[in-house]
């Protein structure tokens, strides 16, 4: 099987279907990948962290990569979507309050994750290996943030 590129609209659909992905950032000791729960709102990927975490410390106004994927081991098929852009802390109290009342993003990790990040992508790309197996097998879950 040859991998093939996924168009932007399909990348967006796949990105919006997930709740778990990985943020890649640069730190003084080198690149680091951090797993996060996320939601999509407009052209932004939203996630939460703690103020003194690696993301809270090095992710403010930083270039980031975000990756989400889904693999079907039985059919040896899957896809991966990568978003590139700048991450910023959400400082608008009204916007944060609205996000807290929605279904997303809800961290699985214990503890208080009071710092809301928005990664606004400038590039969204993806690759698929194998054929789409239909939404029942191709999409992990459907969840969207409200708002922008």
Protein backbone atom coordinates (compact mmCIF):
# COMPACT_ATOMS: atom_id res chain seq x y z
CA UNK A 1 0.00 0.00 0.00
CA UNK A 2 1.21 3.45 -0.85
CA UNK A 3 0.44 6.34 1.52
CA UNK A 4 -1.40 9.26 -0.04
CA UNK A 5 -2.01 12.88 0.88
CA UNK A 6 -5.33 13.89 2.44
CA UNK A 7 -6.91 17.16 1.30
CA UNK A 8 -7.47 19.99 3.79
CA UNK A 9 -11.22 19.45 4.17
CA UNK A 10 -10.69 15.77 5.02
CA UNK A 11 -7.84 16.70 7.38
CA UNK A 12 -10.19 19.03 9.19
CA UNK A 13 -12.93 16.39 9.43
CA UNK A 14 -10.47 13.88 10.87
CA UNK A 15 -8.98 16.43 13.26
CA UNK A 16 -12.45 17.33 14.53
CA UNK A 17 -13.23 13.66 15.15
CA UNK A 18 -10.67 13.16 17.91
CA UNK A 19 -10.15 14.04 21.55
CA UNK A 20 -6.52 12.98 22.05
CA UNK A 21 -3.42 14.22 20.24
CA UNK A 22 0.17 15.33 20.71
CA UNK A 23 1.71 18.79 20.85
CA UNK A 24 5.34 19.18 19.79
CA UNK A 25 7.28 22.19 21.10
CA UNK A 26 10.88 23.30 21.43
CA UNK A 27 12.40 23.49 24.89
CA UNK A 28 15.90 24.47 26.02
CA UNK A 29 16.80 20.77 26.18
CA UNK A 30 15.37 20.01 22.72
CA UNK A 31 12.06 19.12 21.09
CA UNK A 32 9.38 17.60 23.29
CA UNK A 33 6.07 15.89 22.52
CA UNK A 34 3.25 16.22 25.05
CA UNK A 35 0.00 14.23 24.88
CA UNK A 36 -3.15 16.32 25.40
CA UNK A 37 -6.90 16.11 25.17
CA UNK A 38 -8.16 18.69 22.70
CA UNK A 39 -11.10 20.18 20.85
CA UNK A 40 -11.39 22.14 17.61
CA UNK A 41 -13.03 25.55 17.39
CA UNK A 42 -12.82 27.33 14.04
CA UNK A 43 -9.18 27.17 12.90
CA UNK A 44 -7.92 26.58 16.43
CA UNK A 45 -6.99 23.52 18.41
CA UNK A 46 -7.84 24.03 22.08
CA UNK A 47 -6.19 22.23 24.97
CA UNK A 48 -5.60 22.77 28.68
CA UNK A 49 -2.55 22.45 30.90
CA UNK A 50 -1.14 23.68 34.18
CA UNK A 51 0.69 27.03 34.35
CA UNK A 52 4.03 25.45 35.34
CA UNK A 53 3.94 22.46 33.00
CA UNK A 54 6.29 22.17 30.03
CA UNK A 55 3.56 23.56 27.77
CA UNK A 56 2.72 26.32 30.24
CA UNK A 57 6.38 27.28 30.51
CA UNK A 58 7.59 27.00 26.88
CA UNK A 59 4.39 27.04 24.84
CA UNK A 60 3.32 30.66 25.26
CA UNK A 61 3.36 32.42 21.90
CA UNK A 62 5.44 29.55 20.53
CA UNK A 63 5.51 27.70 17.24
CA UNK A 64 3.99 24.26 17.71
CA UNK A 65 3.09 21.16 15.79
CA UNK A 66 0.01 19.16 16.68
CA UNK A 67 -0.58 15.59 15.53
CA UNK A 68 -3.60 13.33 15.74
CA UNK A 69 -3.93 9.90 14.18
CA UNK A 70 -6.02 6.78 14.07
CA UNK A 71 -4.87 3.26 13.24
CA UNK A 72 -6.93 0.18 12.42
CA UNK A 73 -4.53 -2.68 13.08
CA UNK A 74 -6.91 -5.33 11.74
CA UNK A 75 -7.08 -3.71 8.29
CA UNK A 76 -3.55 -2.27 8.40
CA UNK A 77 -4.96 1.14 7.60
CA UNK A 78 -4.84 4.53 9.22
CA UNK A 79 -4.31 8.24 8.92
CA UNK A 80 -2.34 11.05 10.49
CA UNK A 81 -3.07 14.78 10.49
CA UNK A 82 -0.53 17.46 11.44
CA UNK A 83 -1.29 21.11 12.18
CA UNK A 84 1.46 23.72 12.29
CA UNK A 85 0.95 27.10 13.93
CA UNK A 86 1.43 29.35 16.90
CA UNK A 87 0.13 28.50 20.35
CA UNK A 88 -1.19 31.20 22.63
CA UNK A 89 -2.74 31.26 26.07
CA UNK A 90 -6.38 32.34 26.04
CA UNK A 91 -6.65 35.40 28.26
CA UNK A 92 -10.22 36.53 27.54
CA UNK A 93 -12.11 35.56 30.72
CA UNK A 94 -15.46 35.44 28.89
CA UNK A 95 -14.11 33.08 26.25
CA UNK A 96 -12.52 30.80 28.86
CA UNK A 97 -15.78 30.78 30.87
CA UNK A 98 -17.70 29.73 27.73
CA UNK A 99 -15.21 26.95 27.05
CA UNK A 100 -15.51 25.57 30.58
CA UNK A 101 -19.25 25.14 29.99
CA UNK A 102 -18.83 23.17 26.76
CA UNK A 103 -17.98 19.56 26.14
CA UNK A 104 -14.39 20.40 25.24
CA UNK A 105 -11.54 20.23 25.95
CA UNK A 106 -11.79 17.88 28.94
CA UNK A 107 -8.42 16.58 30.20
CA UNK A 108 -8.26 12.93 31.21
CA UNK A 109 -5.35 13.56 33.57
CA UNK A 110 -6.15 14.36 37.19
CA UNK A 111 -5.48 17.77 38.68
CA UNK A 112 -6.50 21.27 37.78
CA UNK A 113 -5.66 22.33 34.25
CA UNK A 114 -6.52 26.03 34.38
CA UNK A 115 -4.38 27.31 31.49
CA UNK A 116 -6.25 27.25 28.17
CA UNK A 117 -4.19 27.19 24.98
CA UNK A 118 -5.28 27.80 21.41
CA UNK A 119 -3.06 26.68 18.56
CA UNK A 120 -4.15 28.58 15.45
CA UNK A 121 -2.99 26.58 12.48
CA UNK A 122 -1.51 28.07 9.33
CA UNK A 123 -0.94 24.67 7.74
CA UNK A 124 -2.99 21.48 7.97
CA UNK A 125 -1.72 18.35 6.22
CA UNK A 126 -2.42 14.66 6.39
CA UNK A 127 -1.58 11.25 5.05
CA UNK A 128 -3.58 8.06 4.81
CA UNK A 129 -2.40 4.48 4.44
CA UNK A 130 -5.05 2.16 3.05
CA UNK A 131 -8.58 3.12 2.16
CA UNK A 132 -11.12 4.90 4.31
CA UNK A 133 -13.13 2.24 6.13
CA UNK A 134 -16.14 4.46 6.74
CA UNK A 135 -16.89 6.60 9.77
CA UNK A 136 -17.62 3.67 12.08
CA UNK A 137 -14.02 2.41 11.79
CA UNK A 138 -12.23 5.53 10.55
CA UNK A 139 -13.19 8.10 13.18
CA UNK A 140 -12.29 7.66 16.84
CA UNK A 141 -15.12 9.91 18.11
CA UNK A 142 -16.96 13.08 17.05
CA UNK A 143 -16.63 16.07 19.36
CA UNK A 144 -16.52 19.80 18.61
CA UNK A 145 -16.11 22.93 20.67
CA UNK A 146 -18.68 25.65 20.26
CA UNK A 147 -17.81 29.25 19.49
CA UNK A 148 -15.55 30.65 16.80
